Amino acid sequence: MATINVTEDTFEQTVTGEGIVLVDAWASWCGPCRAFAPTFEKASEQHEDVTFAKLNTEENQQLSAALEIQSIPTIMAFRDGIMVFRDAGALPPAALEDLIGQIKGLDMDEVRRQVAEQNAARDAE
């Protein structure tokens, strides 16, 4: 699957569905973003079961601010609508492959349990 572009209008719908979504927040003026783009694109072709989305931070400044993106590229990973990874910086191909493997291997029942516990603890404060 090739990469798709997400915008302020399509981001939430894209990341809240079932399955795995990797988001690359980038800008055209960003050298590391341009260097990472081929790695991201190649991974999208190798993992047809994963949605690879690109978020242009310049064209979607309100969403970028809401996501608190402070440096780019920022890579975010969602599985079944839950953000399970977020980090700034380009990843080399092997690290991106490792990340995808880890996300595929997650026990989502355990992840949901941990999220529920964190939300309960936050609500109790």
PDB file of N, CA and C in Angstrom:
ATOM      1  N   MET A   1       0.856  -1.177   0.000  1.00  0.00           N
ATOM      2  CA  MET A   1       0.000   0.000   0.000  1.00  0.00           C
ATOM      3  C   MET A   1       0.896   1.233   0.000  1.00  0.00           C
ATOM      4  N   ALA A   2       0.608   2.153  -0.843  1.00  0.00           N
ATOM      5  CA  ALA A   2       1.352   3.400  -0.868  1.00  0.00           C
ATOM      6  C   ALA A   2       0.916   4.275   0.301  1.00  0.00           C
ATOM      7  N   THR A   3       1.659   5.324   0.532  1.00  0.00           N
ATOM      8  CA  THR A   3       1.289   6.226   1.612  1.00  0.00           C
ATOM      9  C   THR A   3       0.078   7.061   1.201  1.00  0.00           C
ATOM     10  N   ILE A   4      -0.645   7.521   2.221  1.00  0.00           N
ATOM     11  CA  ILE A   4      -1.771   8.417   1.993  1.00  0.00           C
ATOM     12  C   ILE A   4      -1.474   9.727   2.709  1.00  0.00           C
ATOM     13  N   ASN A   5      -2.070  10.789   2.266  1.00  0.00           N
ATOM     14  CA  ASN A   5      -1.939  12.075   2.946  1.00  0.00           C
ATOM     15  C   ASN A   5      -3.129  12.250   3.875  1.00  0.00           C
ATOM     16  N   VAL A   6      -2.855  12.699   5.095  1.00  0.00           N
ATOM     17  CA  VAL A   6      -3.937  13.011   6.019  1.00  0.00           C
ATOM     18  C   VAL A   6      -3.930  14.509   6.278  1.00  0.00           C
ATOM     19  N   THR A   7      -5.125  15.030   6.563  1.00  0.00           N
ATOM     20  CA  THR A   7      -5.313  16.457   6.817  1.00  0.00           C
ATOM     21  C   THR A   7      -6.105  16.620   8.111  1.00  0.00           C
ATOM     22  N   GLU A   8      -6.351  17.860   8.454  1.00  0.00           N
ATOM     23  CA  GLU A   8      -7.163  18.125   9.635  1.00  0.00           C
ATOM     24  C   GLU A   8      -8.542  17.468   9.506  1.00  0.00           C
ATOM     25  N   ASP A   9      -9.018  17.324   8.276  1.00  0.00           N
ATOM     26  CA  ASP A   9     -10.342  16.731   8.051  1.00  0.00           C
ATOM     27  C   ASP A   9     -10.331  15.212   8.097  1.00  0.00           C
ATOM     28  N   THR A  10      -9.206  14.575   7.799  1.00  0.00           N
ATOM     29  CA  THR A  10      -9.180  13.115   7.679  1.00  0.00           C
ATOM     30  C   THR A  10      -8.354  12.408   8.748  1.00  0.00           C
ATOM     31  N   PHE A  11      -7.591  13.154   9.543  1.00  0.00           N
ATOM     32  CA  PHE A  11      -6.674  12.539  10.500  1.00  0.00           C
ATOM     33  C   PHE A  11      -7.399  11.640  11.494  1.00  0.00           C
ATOM     34  N   GLU A  12      -8.398  12.175  12.189  1.00  0.00           N
ATOM     35  CA  GLU A  12      -9.060  11.401  13.239  1.00  0.00           C
ATOM     36  C   GLU A  12      -9.690  10.132  12.682  1.00  0.00           C
ATOM     37  N   GLN A  13     -10.375  10.239  11.568  1.00  0.00           N
ATOM     38  CA  GLN A  13     -11.006   9.067  10.957  1.00  0.00           C
ATOM     39  C   GLN A  13      -9.959   8.025  10.587  1.00  0.00           C
ATOM     40  N   THR A  14      -8.798   8.476  10.137  1.00  0.00           N
ATOM     41  CA  THR A  14      -7.744   7.553   9.723  1.00  0.00           C
ATOM     42  C   THR A  14      -7.148   6.804  10.906  1.00  0.00           C
ATOM     43  N   VAL A  15      -6.859   7.510  12.005  1.00  0.00           N
ATOM     44  CA  VAL A  15      -6.134   6.872  13.114  1.00  0.00           C
ATOM     45  C   VAL A  15      -7.028   6.156  14.116  1.00  0.00           C
ATOM     46  N   THR A  16      -8.335   6.365  14.065  1.00  0.00           N
ATOM     47  CA  THR A  16      -9.206   5.742  15.063  1.00  0.00           C
ATOM     48  C   THR A  16      -9.816   4.427  14.601  1.00  0.00           C
ATOM     49  N   GLY A  17      -9.519   4.001  13.402  1.00  0.00           N
ATOM     50  CA  GLY A  17     -10.077   2.750  12.910  1.00  0.00           C
ATOM     51  C   GLY A  17      -9.325   1.542  13.430  1.00  0.00           C
ATOM     52  N   GLU A  18      -9.761   0.375  12.992  1.00  0.00           N
ATOM     53  CA  GLU A  18      -9.092  -0.876  13.341  1.00  0.00           C
ATOM     54  C   GLU A  18      -7.770  -0.970  12.604  1.00  0.00           C
ATOM     55  N   GLY A  19      -6.841  -1.699  13.183  1.00  0.00           N
ATOM     56  CA  GLY A  19      -5.569  -1.953  12.522  1.00  0.00           C
ATOM     57  C   GLY A  19      -4.497  -0.966  12.924  1.00  0.00           C
ATOM     58  N   ILE A  20      -3.405  -1.004  12.173  1.00  0.00           N
ATOM     59  CA  ILE A  20      -2.213  -0.207  12.479  1.00  0.00           C
ATOM     60  C   ILE A  20      -2.108   0.954  11.497  1.00  0.00           C
ATOM     61  N   VAL A  21      -1.848   2.136  12.049  1.00  0.00           N
ATOM     62  CA  VAL A  21      -1.631   3.329  11.243  1.00  0.00           C
ATOM     63  C   VAL A  21      -0.332   3.972  11.716  1.00  0.00           C
ATOM     64  N   LEU A  22       0.599   4.158  10.804  1.00  0.00           N
ATOM     65  CA  LEU A  22       1.821   4.915  11.093  1.00  0.00           C
ATOM     66  C   LEU A  22       1.675   6.283  10.457  1.00  0.00           C
ATOM     67  N   VAL A  23       1.966   7.324  11.221  1.00  0.00           N
ATOM     68  CA  VAL A  23       1.854   8.691  10.726  1.00  0.00           C
ATOM     69  C   VAL A  23       3.242   9.334  10.755  1.00  0.00           C
ATOM     70  N   ASP A  24       3.618   9.915   9.639  1.00  0.00           N
ATOM     71  CA  ASP A  24       4.859  10.672   9.513  1.00  0.00           C
ATOM     72  C   ASP A  24       4.481  12.140   9.417  1.00  0.00           C
ATOM     73  N   ALA A  25       4.751  12.906  10.490  1.00  0.00           N
ATOM     74  CA  ALA A  25       4.511  14.354  10.477  1.00  0.00           C
ATOM     75  C   ALA A  25       5.773  15.014   9.923  1.00  0.00           C
ATOM     76  N   TRP A  26       5.635  15.776   8.865  1.00  0.00           N
ATOM     77  CA  TRP A  26       6.775  16.287   8.124  1.00  0.00           C
ATOM     78  C   TRP A  26       6.488  17.677   7.562  1.00  0.00           C
ATOM     79  N   ALA A  27       7.510  18.271   6.957  1.00  0.00           N
ATOM     80  CA  ALA A  27       7.366  19.529   6.217  1.00  0.00           C
ATOM     81  C   ALA A  27       8.354  19.510   5.055  1.00  0.00           C
ATOM     82  N   SER A  28       8.020  20.200   3.990  1.00  0.00           N
ATOM     83  CA  SER A  28       8.841  20.161   2.777  1.00  0.00           C
ATOM     84  C   SER A  28      10.214  20.788   2.979  1.00  0.00           C
ATOM     85  N   TRP A  29      10.340  21.732   3.894  1.00  0.00           N
ATOM     86  CA  TRP A  29      11.618  22.408   4.129  1.00  0.00           C
ATOM     87  C   TRP A  29      12.555  21.620   5.047  1.00  0.00           C
ATOM     88  N   CYS A  30      12.074  20.502   5.596  1.00  0.00           N
ATOM     89  CA  CYS A  30      12.811  19.738   6.606  1.00  0.00           C
ATOM     90  C   CYS A  30      13.707  18.688   5.939  1.00  0.00           C
ATOM     91  N   GLY A  31      15.023  18.875   6.038  1.00  0.00           N
ATOM     92  CA  GLY A  31      15.974  17.939   5.445  1.00  0.00           C
ATOM     93  C   GLY A  31      15.822  16.512   5.956  1.00  0.00           C
ATOM     94  N   PRO A  32      15.791  16.303   7.293  1.00  0.00           N
ATOM     95  CA  PRO A  32      15.602  14.934   7.802  1.00  0.00           C
ATOM     96  C   PRO A  32      14.277  14.316   7.342  1.00  0.00           C
ATOM     97  N   CYS A  33      13.244  15.142   7.179  1.00  0.00           N
ATOM     98  CA  CYS A  33      11.952  14.631   6.693  1.00  0.00           C
ATOM     99  C   CYS A  33      12.097  14.112   5.270  1.00  0.00           C
ATOM    100  N   ARG A  34      12.779  14.884   4.437  1.00  0.00           N
ATOM    101  CA  ARG A  34      12.975  14.470   3.037  1.00  0.00           C
ATOM    102  C   ARG A  34      13.842  13.215   2.967  1.00  0.00           C
ATOM    103  N   ALA A  35      14.824  13.110   3.856  1.00  0.00           N
ATOM    104  CA  ALA A  35      15.694  11.934   3.870  1.00  0.00           C
ATOM    105  C   ALA A  35      14.936  10.687   4.332  1.00  0.00           C
ATOM    106  N   PHE A  36      13.976  10.853   5.250  1.00  0.00           N
ATOM    107  CA  PHE A  36      13.212   9.727   5.791  1.00  0.00           C
ATOM    108  C   PHE A  36      12.106   9.268   4.836  1.00  0.00           C
ATOM    109  N   ALA A  37      11.633  10.145   3.984  1.00  0.00           N
ATOM    110  CA  ALA A  37      10.483   9.838   3.111  1.00  0.00           C
ATOM    111  C   ALA A  37      10.650   8.547   2.311  1.00  0.00           C
ATOM    112  N   PRO A  38      11.797   8.285   1.672  1.00  0.00           N
ATOM    113  CA  PRO A  38      11.923   7.025   0.925  1.00  0.00           C
ATOM    114  C   PRO A  38      11.851   5.783   1.817  1.00  0.00           C
ATOM    115  N   THR A  39      12.373   5.871   3.031  1.00  0.00           N
ATOM    116  CA  THR A  39      12.304   4.752   3.977  1.00  0.00           C
ATOM    117  C   THR A  39      10.856   4.459   4.331  1.00  0.00           C
ATOM    118  N   PHE A  40      10.092   5.514   4.603  1.00  0.00           N
ATOM    119  CA  PHE A  40       8.676   5.386   4.960  1.00  0.00           C
ATOM    120  C   PHE A  40       7.892   4.799   3.786  1.00  0.00           C
ATOM    121  N   GLU A  41       8.164   5.307   2.596  1.00  0.00           N
ATOM    122  CA  GLU A  41       7.473   4.833   1.385  1.00  0.00           C
ATOM    123  C   GLU A  41       7.781   3.358   1.124  1.00  0.00           C
ATOM    124  N   LYS A  42       9.052   2.971   1.260  1.00  0.00           N
ATOM    125  CA  LYS A  42       9.433   1.578   1.012  1.00  0.00           C
ATOM    126  C   LYS A  42       8.749   0.646   2.013  1.00  0.00           C
ATOM    127  N   ALA A  43       8.690   1.061   3.284  1.00  0.00           N
ATOM    128  CA  ALA A  43       8.019   0.243   4.297  1.00  0.00           C
ATOM    129  C   ALA A  43       6.534   0.105   3.966  1.00  0.00           C
ATOM    130  N   SER A  44       5.942   1.159   3.407  1.00  0.00           N
ATOM    131  CA  SER A  44       4.509   1.089   3.062  1.00  0.00           C
ATOM    132  C   SER A  44       4.259   0.046   1.989  1.00  0.00           C
ATOM    133  N   GLU A  45       5.231  -0.143   1.115  1.00  0.00           N
ATOM    134  CA  GLU A  45       5.096  -1.136   0.049  1.00  0.00           C
ATOM    135  C   GLU A  45       5.307  -2.561   0.584  1.00  0.00           C
ATOM    136  N   GLN A  46       6.041  -2.694   1.679  1.00  0.00           N
ATOM    137  CA  GLN A  46       6.339  -4.012   2.247  1.00  0.00           C
ATOM    138  C   GLN A  46       5.299  -4.474   3.268  1.00  0.00           C
ATOM    139  N   HIS A  47       4.487  -3.559   3.767  1.00  0.00           N
ATOM    140  CA  HIS A  47       3.502  -3.887   4.815  1.00  0.00           C
ATOM    141  C   HIS A  47       2.118  -3.417   4.358  1.00  0.00           C
ATOM    142  N   GLU A  48       1.519  -4.209   3.495  1.00  0.00           N
ATOM    143  CA  GLU A  48       0.222  -3.822   2.951  1.00  0.00           C
ATOM    144  C   GLU A  48      -0.886  -3.871   3.984  1.00  0.00           C
ATOM    145  N   ASP A  49      -0.634  -4.506   5.137  1.00  0.00           N
ATOM    146  CA  ASP A  49      -1.624  -4.589   6.205  1.00  0.00           C
ATOM    147  C   ASP A  49      -1.563  -3.393   7.150  1.00  0.00           C
ATOM    148  N   VAL A  50      -0.671  -2.440   6.872  1.00  0.00           N
ATOM    149  CA  VAL A  50      -0.497  -1.254   7.702  1.00  0.00           C
ATOM    150  C   VAL A  50      -0.822  -0.030   6.856  1.00  0.00           C
ATOM    151  N   THR A  51      -1.515   0.943   7.454  1.00  0.00           N
ATOM    152  CA  THR A  51      -1.774   2.207   6.778  1.00  0.00           C
ATOM    153  C   THR A  51      -0.628   3.159   7.087  1.00  0.00           C
ATOM    154  N   PHE A  52      -0.007   3.706   6.059  1.00  0.00           N
ATOM    155  CA  PHE A  52       1.074   4.675   6.202  1.00  0.00           C
ATOM    156  C   PHE A  52       0.537   6.034   5.772  1.00  0.00           C
ATOM    157  N   ALA A  53       0.520   6.972   6.715  1.00  0.00           N
ATOM    158  CA  ALA A  53      -0.068   8.284   6.462  1.00  0.00           C
ATOM    159  C   ALA A  53       0.980   9.374   6.647  1.00  0.00           C
ATOM    160  N   LYS A  54       0.915  10.385   5.800  1.00  0.00           N
ATOM    161  CA  LYS A  54       1.822  11.519   5.901  1.00  0.00           C
ATOM    162  C   LYS A  54       1.005  12.753   6.262  1.00  0.00           C
ATOM    163  N   LEU A  55       1.477  13.466   7.280  1.00  0.00           N
ATOM    164  CA  LEU A  55       0.820  14.685   7.744  1.00  0.00           C
ATOM    165  C   LEU A  55       1.749  15.862   7.479  1.00  0.00           C
ATOM    166  N   ASN A  56       1.379  16.701   6.533  1.00  0.00           N
ATOM    167  CA  ASN A  56       2.161  17.894   6.225  1.00  0.00           C
ATOM    168  C   ASN A  56       1.863  18.932   7.305  1.00  0.00           C
ATOM    169  N   THR A  57       2.872  19.194   8.155  1.00  0.00           N
ATOM    170  CA  THR A  57       2.655  20.091   9.294  1.00  0.00           C
ATOM    171  C   THR A  57       2.457  21.540   8.875  1.00  0.00           C
ATOM    172  N   GLU A  58       2.998  21.918   7.734  1.00  0.00           N
ATOM    173  CA  GLU A  58       2.831  23.295   7.251  1.00  0.00           C
ATOM    174  C   GLU A  58       1.400  23.539   6.763  1.00  0.00           C
ATOM    175  N   GLU A  59       0.822  22.551   6.116  1.00  0.00           N
ATOM    176  CA  GLU A  59      -0.525  22.699   5.577  1.00  0.00           C
ATOM    177  C   GLU A  59      -1.601  22.415   6.623  1.00  0.00           C
ATOM    178  N   ASN A  60      -1.218  21.835   7.745  1.00  0.00           N
ATOM    179  CA  ASN A  60      -2.178  21.458   8.795  1.00  0.00           C
ATOM    180  C   ASN A  60      -1.678  21.946  10.155  1.00  0.00           C
ATOM    181  N   GLN A  61      -1.479  23.250  10.258  1.00  0.00           N
ATOM    182  CA  GLN A  61      -0.852  23.822  11.441  1.00  0.00           C
ATOM    183  C   GLN A  61      -1.706  23.673  12.700  1.00  0.00           C
ATOM    184  N   GLN A  62      -3.017  23.778  12.573  1.00  0.00           N
ATOM    185  CA  GLN A  62      -3.872  23.623  13.763  1.00  0.00           C
ATOM    186  C   GLN A  62      -3.788  22.204  14.310  1.00  0.00           C
ATOM    187  N   LEU A  63      -3.832  21.223  13.439  1.00  0.00           N
ATOM    188  CA  LEU A  63      -3.716  19.831  13.868  1.00  0.00           C
ATOM    189  C   LEU A  63      -2.338  19.570  14.461  1.00  0.00           C
ATOM    190  N   SER A  64      -1.306  20.098  13.830  1.00  0.00           N
ATOM    191  CA  SER A  64       0.056  19.923  14.346  1.00  0.00           C
ATOM    192  C   SER A  64       0.181  20.506  15.750  1.00  0.00           C
ATOM    193  N   ALA A  65      -0.435  21.662  15.971  1.00  0.00           N
ATOM    194  CA  ALA A  65      -0.415  22.275  17.307  1.00  0.00           C
ATOM    195  C   ALA A  65      -1.202  21.423  18.292  1.00  0.00           C
ATOM    196  N   ALA A  66      -2.367  20.921  17.873  1.00  0.00           N
ATOM    197  CA  ALA A  66      -3.189  20.092  18.758  1.00  0.00           C
ATOM    198  C   ALA A  66      -2.454  18.803  19.132  1.00  0.00           C
ATOM    199  N   LEU A  67      -1.654  18.273  18.210  1.00  0.00           N
ATOM    200  CA  LEU A  67      -0.870  17.065  18.468  1.00  0.00           C
ATOM    201  C   LEU A  67       0.431  17.377  19.209  1.00  0.00           C
ATOM    202  N   GLU A  68       0.682  18.658  19.444  1.00  0.00           N
ATOM    203  CA  GLU A  68       1.882  19.130  20.146  1.00  0.00           C
ATOM    204  C   GLU A  68       3.161  18.654  19.456  1.00  0.00           C
ATOM    205  N   ILE A  69       3.173  18.748  18.144  1.00  0.00           N
ATOM    206  CA  ILE A  69       4.365  18.391  17.377  1.00  0.00           C
ATOM    207  C   ILE A  69       5.327  19.565  17.454  1.00  0.00           C
ATOM    208  N   GLN A  70       6.471  19.331  18.072  1.00  0.00           N
ATOM    209  CA  GLN A  70       7.443  20.399  18.273  1.00  0.00           C
ATOM    210  C   GLN A  70       8.695  20.233  17.427  1.00  0.00           C
ATOM    211  N   SER A  71       8.945  19.036  16.928  1.00  0.00           N
ATOM    212  CA  SER A  71      10.063  18.831  16.016  1.00  0.00           C
ATOM    213  C   SER A  71       9.654  17.757  15.010  1.00  0.00           C
ATOM    214  N   ILE A  72      10.251  17.855  13.835  1.00  0.00           N
ATOM    215  CA  ILE A  72       9.888  16.928  12.771  1.00  0.00           C
ATOM    216  C   ILE A  72      11.153  16.336  12.167  1.00  0.00           C
ATOM    217  N   PRO A  73      11.052  15.149  11.601  1.00  0.00           N
ATOM    218  CA  PRO A  73       9.826  14.358  11.535  1.00  0.00           C
ATOM    219  C   PRO A  73       9.440  13.799  12.904  1.00  0.00           C
ATOM    220  N   THR A  74       8.152  13.681  13.111  1.00  0.00           N
ATOM    221  CA  THR A  74       7.618  12.981  14.273  1.00  0.00           C
ATOM    222  C   THR A  74       6.856  11.771  13.744  1.00  0.00           C
ATOM    223  N   ILE A  75       7.170  10.611  14.295  1.00  0.00           N
ATOM    224  CA  ILE A  75       6.516   9.372  13.892  1.00  0.00           C
ATOM    225  C   ILE A  75       5.534   8.991  14.993  1.00  0.00           C
ATOM    226  N   MET A  76       4.302   8.755  14.613  1.00  0.00           N
ATOM    227  CA  MET A  76       3.271   8.295  15.544  1.00  0.00           C
ATOM    228  C   MET A  76       2.725   6.975  15.031  1.00  0.00           C
ATOM    229  N   ALA A  77       2.425   6.077  15.954  1.00  0.00           N
ATOM    230  CA  ALA A  77       1.837   4.794  15.571  1.00  0.00           C
ATOM    231  C   ALA A  77       0.572   4.581  16.385  1.00  0.00           C
ATOM    232  N   PHE A  78      -0.473   4.188  15.692  1.00  0.00           N
ATOM    233  CA  PHE A  78      -1.765   3.899  16.314  1.00  0.00           C
ATOM    234  C   PHE A  78      -2.119   2.458  15.998  1.00  0.00           C
ATOM    235  N   ARG A  79      -2.684   1.781  16.980  1.00  0.00           N
ATOM    236  CA  ARG A  79      -3.220   0.439  16.720  1.00  0.00           C
ATOM    237  C   ARG A  79      -4.604   0.389  17.340  1.00  0.00           C
ATOM    238  N   ASP A  80      -5.568   0.064  16.525  1.00  0.00           N
ATOM    239  CA  ASP A  80      -6.969  -0.009  16.955  1.00  0.00           C
ATOM    240  C   ASP A  80      -7.395   1.281  17.657  1.00  0.00           C
ATOM    241  N   GLY A  81      -6.927   2.410  17.114  1.00  0.00           N
ATOM    242  CA  GLY A  81      -7.344   3.714  17.619  1.00  0.00           C
ATOM    243  C   GLY A  81      -6.578   4.221  18.829  1.00  0.00           C
ATOM    244  N   ILE A  82      -5.589   3.483  19.300  1.00  0.00           N
ATOM    245  CA  ILE A  82      -4.816   3.873  20.477  1.00  0.00           C
ATOM    246  C   ILE A  82      -3.393   4.225  20.029  1.00  0.00           C
ATOM    247  N   MET A  83      -2.916   5.407  20.436  1.00  0.00           N
ATOM    248  CA  MET A  83      -1.535   5.762  20.120  1.00  0.00           C
ATOM    249  C   MET A  83      -0.619   4.885  20.965  1.00  0.00           C
ATOM    250  N   VAL A  84       0.219   4.104  20.286  1.00  0.00           N
ATOM    251  CA  VAL A  84       1.106   3.175  20.990  1.00  0.00           C
ATOM    252  C   VAL A  84       2.578   3.565  20.853  1.00  0.00           C
ATOM    253  N   PHE A  85       2.868   4.576  20.033  1.00  0.00           N
ATOM    254  CA  PHE A  85       4.243   5.030  19.859  1.00  0.00           C
ATOM    255  C   PHE A  85       4.218   6.447  19.338  1.00  0.00           C
ATOM    256  N   ARG A  86       5.187   7.234  19.813  1.00  0.00           N
ATOM    257  CA  ARG A  86       5.370   8.593  19.299  1.00  0.00           C
ATOM    258  C   ARG A  86       6.796   9.001  19.618  1.00  0.00           C
ATOM    259  N   ASP A  87       7.516   9.457  18.591  1.00  0.00           N
ATOM    260  CA  ASP A  87       8.879   9.918  18.820  1.00  0.00           C
ATOM    261  C   ASP A  87       9.270  10.837  17.675  1.00  0.00           C
ATOM    262  N   ALA A  88      10.089  11.815  17.996  1.00  0.00           N
ATOM    263  CA  ALA A  88      10.606  12.722  16.978  1.00  0.00           C
ATOM    264  C   ALA A  88      11.916  12.163  16.448  1.00  0.00           C
ATOM    265  N   GLY A  89      12.125  12.342  15.162  1.00  0.00           N
ATOM    266  CA  GLY A  89      13.372  11.908  14.546  1.00  0.00           C
ATOM    267  C   GLY A  89      13.141  10.843  13.492  1.00  0.00           C
ATOM    268  N   ALA A  90      13.950  10.901  12.468  1.00  0.00           N
ATOM    269  CA  ALA A  90      13.868   9.913  11.392  1.00  0.00           C
ATOM    270  C   ALA A  90      14.429   8.584  11.882  1.00  0.00           C
ATOM    271  N   LEU A  91      13.831   7.510  11.437  1.00  0.00           N
ATOM    272  CA  LEU A  91      14.289   6.176  11.797  1.00  0.00           C
ATOM    273  C   LEU A  91      15.011   5.542  10.609  1.00  0.00           C
ATOM    274  N   PRO A  92      16.127   4.850  10.855  1.00  0.00           N
ATOM    275  CA  PRO A  92      16.735   4.084   9.767  1.00  0.00           C
ATOM    276  C   PRO A  92      15.821   2.912   9.412  1.00  0.00           C
ATOM    277  N   PRO A  93      15.969   2.353   8.222  1.00  0.00           N
ATOM    278  CA  PRO A  93      15.074   1.270   7.791  1.00  0.00           C
ATOM    279  C   PRO A  93      14.935   0.133   8.792  1.00  0.00           C
ATOM    280  N   ALA A  94      16.042  -0.337   9.367  1.00  0.00           N
ATOM    281  CA  ALA A  94      15.969  -1.467  10.299  1.00  0.00           C
ATOM    282  C   ALA A  94      15.170  -1.106  11.551  1.00  0.00           C
ATOM    283  N   ALA A  95      15.318   0.120  12.026  1.00  0.00           N
ATOM    284  CA  ALA A  95      14.579   0.548  13.217  1.00  0.00           C
ATOM    285  C   ALA A  95      13.086   0.670  12.914  1.00  0.00           C
ATOM    286  N   LEU A  96      12.740   1.159  11.725  1.00  0.00           N
ATOM    287  CA  LEU A  96      11.329   1.240  11.336  1.00  0.00           C
ATOM    288  C   LEU A  96      10.727  -0.153  11.232  1.00  0.00           C
ATOM    289  N   GLU A  97      11.459  -1.084  10.649  1.00  0.00           N
ATOM    290  CA  GLU A  97      10.988  -2.474  10.553  1.00  0.00           C
ATOM    291  C   GLU A  97      10.785  -3.067  11.942  1.00  0.00           C
ATOM    292  N   ASP A  98      11.717  -2.810  12.858  1.00  0.00           N
ATOM    293  CA  ASP A  98      11.608  -3.305  14.224  1.00  0.00           C
ATOM    294  C   ASP A  98      10.374  -2.714  14.909  1.00  0.00           C
ATOM    295  N   LEU A  99      10.159  -1.417  14.727  1.00  0.00           N
ATOM    296  CA  LEU A  99       8.991  -0.756  15.316  1.00  0.00           C
ATOM    297  C   LEU A  99       7.697  -1.393  14.808  1.00  0.00           C
ATOM    298  N   ILE A 100       7.606  -1.605  13.503  1.00  0.00           N
ATOM    299  CA  ILE A 100       6.405  -2.206  12.920  1.00  0.00           C
ATOM    300  C   ILE A 100       6.184  -3.601  13.503  1.00  0.00           C
ATOM    301  N   GLY A 101       7.246  -4.375  13.634  1.00  0.00           N
ATOM    302  CA  GLY A 101       7.139  -5.711  14.219  1.00  0.00           C
ATOM    303  C   GLY A 101       6.659  -5.666  15.657  1.00  0.00           C
ATOM    304  N   GLN A 102       7.169  -4.708  16.430  1.00  0.00           N
ATOM    305  CA  GLN A 102       6.735  -4.582  17.824  1.00  0.00           C
ATOM    306  C   GLN A 102       5.263  -4.205  17.919  1.00  0.00           C
ATOM    307  N   ILE A 103       4.824  -3.306  17.052  1.00  0.00           N
ATOM    308  CA  ILE A 103       3.420  -2.884  17.073  1.00  0.00           C
ATOM    309  C   ILE A 103       2.516  -4.060  16.686  1.00  0.00           C
ATOM    310  N   LYS A 104       2.920  -4.815  15.680  1.00  0.00           N
ATOM    311  CA  LYS A 104       2.129  -5.981  15.277  1.00  0.00           C
ATOM    312  C   LYS A 104       2.057  -7.005  16.395  1.00  0.00           C
ATOM    313  N   GLY A 105       3.090  -7.077  17.231  1.00  0.00           N
ATOM    314  CA  GLY A 105       3.151  -8.059  18.298  1.00  0.00           C
ATOM    315  C   GLY A 105       2.478  -7.649  19.594  1.00  0.00           C
ATOM    316  N   LEU A 106       1.951  -6.448  19.651  1.00  0.00           N
ATOM    317  CA  LEU A 106       1.334  -5.984  20.893  1.00  0.00           C
ATOM    318  C   LEU A 106       0.118  -6.817  21.281  1.00  0.00           C
ATOM    319  N   ASP A 107      -0.028  -7.041  22.574  1.00  0.00           N
ATOM    320  CA  ASP A 107      -1.238  -7.647  23.136  1.00  0.00           C
ATOM    321  C   ASP A 107      -2.202  -6.490  23.403  1.00  0.00           C
ATOM    322  N   MET A 108      -3.141  -6.292  22.499  1.00  0.00           N
ATOM    323  CA  MET A 108      -4.005  -5.112  22.595  1.00  0.00           C
ATOM    324  C   MET A 108      -4.951  -5.182  23.788  1.00  0.00           C
ATOM    325  N   ASP A 109      -5.306  -6.368  24.259  1.00  0.00           N
ATOM    326  CA  ASP A 109      -6.106  -6.461  25.477  1.00  0.00           C
ATOM    327  C   ASP A 109      -5.327  -5.884  26.650  1.00  0.00           C
ATOM    328  N   GLU A 110      -4.042  -6.182  26.716  1.00  0.00           N
ATOM    329  CA  GLU A 110      -3.184  -5.644  27.775  1.00  0.00           C
ATOM    330  C   GLU A 110      -3.028  -4.126  27.614  1.00  0.00           C
ATOM    331  N   VAL A 111      -2.862  -3.655  26.398  1.00  0.00           N
ATOM    332  CA  VAL A 111      -2.739  -2.213  26.152  1.00  0.00           C
ATOM    333  C   VAL A 111      -4.011  -1.500  26.605  1.00  0.00           C
ATOM    334  N   ARG A 112      -5.171  -2.040  26.242  1.00  0.00           N
ATOM    335  CA  ARG A 112      -6.443  -1.412  26.648  1.00  0.00           C
ATOM    336  C   ARG A 112      -6.591  -1.404  28.171  1.00  0.00           C
ATOM    337  N   ARG A 113      -6.143  -2.489  28.828  1.00  0.00           N
ATOM    338  CA  ARG A 113      -6.198  -2.560  30.286  1.00  0.00           C
ATOM    339  C   ARG A 113      -5.325  -1.466  30.904  1.00  0.00           C
ATOM    340  N   GLN A 114      -4.124  -1.282  30.374  1.00  0.00           N
ATOM    341  CA  GLN A 114      -3.220  -0.260  30.890  1.00  0.00           C
ATOM    342  C   GLN A 114      -3.777   1.143  30.661  1.00  0.00           C
ATOM    343  N   VAL A 115      -4.363   1.380  29.502  1.00  0.00           N
ATOM    344  CA  VAL A 115      -4.964   2.686  29.217  1.00  0.00           C
ATOM    345  C   VAL A 115      -6.102   2.957  30.196  1.00  0.00           C
ATOM    346  N   ALA A 116      -6.935   1.948  30.444  1.00  0.00           N
ATOM    347  CA  ALA A 116      -8.047   2.104  31.381  1.00  0.00           C
ATOM    348  C   ALA A 116      -7.530   2.419  32.781  1.00  0.00           C
ATOM    349  N   GLU A 117      -6.467   1.739  33.206  1.00  0.00           N
ATOM    350  CA  GLU A 117      -5.886   2.015  34.527  1.00  0.00           C
ATOM    351  C   GLU A 117      -5.346   3.433  34.613  1.00  0.00           C
ATOM    352  N   GLN A 118      -4.657   3.881  33.561  1.00  0.00           N
ATOM    353  CA  GLN A 118      -4.113   5.239  33.548  1.00  0.00           C
ATOM    354  C   GLN A 118      -5.233   6.275  33.588  1.00  0.00           C
ATOM    355  N   ASN A 119      -6.301   6.019  32.834  1.00  0.00           N
ATOM    356  CA  ASN A 119      -7.431   6.952  32.831  1.00  0.00           C
ATOM    357  C   ASN A 119      -8.109   6.986  34.195  1.00  0.00           C
ATOM    358  N   ALA A 120      -8.259   5.820  34.840  1.00  0.00           N
ATOM    359  CA  ALA A 120      -8.882   5.754  36.166  1.00  0.00           C
ATOM    360  C   ALA A 120      -8.021   6.504  37.178  1.00  0.00           C
ATOM    361  N   ALA A 121      -6.704   6.326  37.113  1.00  0.00           N
ATOM    362  CA  ALA A 121      -5.809   7.008  38.050  1.00  0.00           C
ATOM    363  C   ALA A 121      -5.856   8.522  37.835  1.00  0.00           C
ATOM    364  N   ARG A 122      -5.917   8.946  36.585  1.00  0.00           N
ATOM    365  CA  ARG A 122      -5.990  10.383  36.275  1.00  0.00           C
ATOM    366  C   ARG A 122      -7.318  10.959  36.759  1.00  0.00           C
ATOM    367  N   ASP A 123      -8.407  10.216  36.576  1.00  0.00           N
ATOM    368  CA  ASP A 123      -9.724  10.681  37.006  1.00  0.00           C
ATOM    369  C   ASP A 123      -9.829  10.774  38.522  1.00  0.00           C
ATOM    370  N   ALA A 124      -9.060   9.937  39.227  1.00  0.00           N
ATOM    371  CA  ALA A 124      -9.096   9.911  40.700  1.00  0.00           C
ATOM    372  C   ALA A 124      -8.340  11.089  41.308  1.00  0.00           C
ATOM    373  N   GLU A 125      -7.493  11.738  40.522  1.00  0.00           N
ATOM    374  CA  GLU A 125      -6.694  12.849  41.062  1.00  0.00           C
ATOM    375  C   GLU A 125      -7.516  14.078  41.291  1.00  0.00           C
TER     376      GLU A 125
END
